Amino acid sequence: MNQARMWLVVKPTVGIPLFLGAVAITSLVVHFAILNNTTWFPAFFGG
């Protein structure tokens, strides 16, 4: 792991859930933006 020194500053019990939460929130924001700004994405979700 080439970023091992990062865990000297941030504990893994805090950093890993924070990272995974940020990934989930980013994914939801991107999907929401695509849903509101395209016509094919809502049609795809609607079947």
C-alpha atoms as a PDB file:
ATOM      1  CA  MET A   1       0.000   0.000   0.000  1.00  0.00           C
ATOM      2  CA  ASN A   2       1.698   3.172  -1.152  1.00  0.00           C
ATOM      3  CA  GLN A   3      -0.422   5.489   1.045  1.00  0.00           C
ATOM      4  CA  ALA A   4       0.268   3.719   4.338  1.00  0.00           C
ATOM      5  CA  ARG A   5       1.450   6.882   6.088  1.00  0.00           C
ATOM      6  CA  MET A   6      -2.048   8.366   5.743  1.00  0.00           C
ATOM      7  CA  TRP A   7      -3.255   5.993   8.478  1.00  0.00           C
ATOM      8  CA  LEU A   8      -0.821   7.627  10.903  1.00  0.00           C
ATOM      9  CA  VAL A   9      -2.985  10.760  10.654  1.00  0.00           C
ATOM     10  CA  VAL A  10      -6.466   9.243  10.162  1.00  0.00           C
ATOM     11  CA  LYS A  11      -7.527   6.087  11.983  1.00  0.00           C
ATOM     12  CA  PRO A  12      -8.858   3.364   9.663  1.00  0.00           C
ATOM     13  CA  THR A  13     -12.012   3.082  11.806  1.00  0.00           C
ATOM     14  CA  VAL A  14     -12.812   6.674  10.858  1.00  0.00           C
ATOM     15  CA  GLY A  15     -11.253   6.965   7.399  1.00  0.00           C
ATOM     16  CA  ILE A  16     -12.715   3.871   5.739  1.00  0.00           C
ATOM     17  CA  PRO A  17     -16.395   4.553   6.622  1.00  0.00           C
ATOM     18  CA  LEU A  18     -15.895   8.217   5.710  1.00  0.00           C
ATOM     19  CA  PHE A  19     -14.461   7.251   2.324  1.00  0.00           C
ATOM     20  CA  LEU A  20     -17.223   4.733   1.605  1.00  0.00           C
ATOM     21  CA  GLY A  21     -19.871   7.252   2.644  1.00  0.00           C
ATOM     22  CA  ALA A  22     -18.389   9.855   0.315  1.00  0.00           C
ATOM     23  CA  VAL A  23     -18.428   7.357  -2.564  1.00  0.00           C
ATOM     24  CA  ALA A  24     -22.094   6.512  -1.888  1.00  0.00           C
ATOM     25  CA  ILE A  25     -23.142  10.172  -1.681  1.00  0.00           C
ATOM     26  CA  THR A  26     -21.248  11.013  -4.872  1.00  0.00           C
ATOM     27  CA  SER A  27     -22.937   8.132  -6.669  1.00  0.00           C
ATOM     28  CA  LEU A  28     -26.393   9.286  -5.566  1.00  0.00           C
ATOM     29  CA  VAL A  29     -25.690  12.878  -6.629  1.00  0.00           C
ATOM     30  CA  VAL A  30     -24.481  11.767 -10.060  1.00  0.00           C
ATOM     31  CA  HIS A  31     -27.517   9.534 -10.601  1.00  0.00           C
ATOM     32  CA  PHE A  32     -29.870  12.303  -9.495  1.00  0.00           C
ATOM     33  CA  ALA A  33     -28.208  14.784 -11.869  1.00  0.00           C
ATOM     34  CA  ILE A  34     -28.464  12.353 -14.793  1.00  0.00           C
ATOM     35  CA  LEU A  35     -32.093  11.597 -13.923  1.00  0.00           C
ATOM     36  CA  ASN A  36     -33.001  15.298 -13.985  1.00  0.00           C
ATOM     37  CA  ASN A  37     -30.981  16.338 -17.037  1.00  0.00           C
ATOM     38  CA  THR A  38     -31.659  13.576 -19.576  1.00  0.00           C
ATOM     39  CA  THR A  39     -34.745  12.093 -21.170  1.00  0.00           C
ATOM     40  CA  TRP A  40     -33.502   8.533 -21.677  1.00  0.00           C
ATOM     41  CA  PHE A  41     -32.523   7.787 -18.061  1.00  0.00           C
ATOM     42  CA  PRO A  42     -36.043   8.157 -16.572  1.00  0.00           C
ATOM     43  CA  ALA A  43     -37.407   6.108 -19.470  1.00  0.00           C
ATOM     44  CA  PHE A  44     -34.813   3.423 -18.737  1.00  0.00           C
ATOM     45  CA  PHE A  45     -35.822   3.316 -15.069  1.00  0.00           C
ATOM     46  CA  GLY A  46     -39.518   3.300 -16.023  1.00  0.00           C
ATOM     47  CA  GLY A  47     -39.104   0.284 -18.251  1.00  0.00           C
END
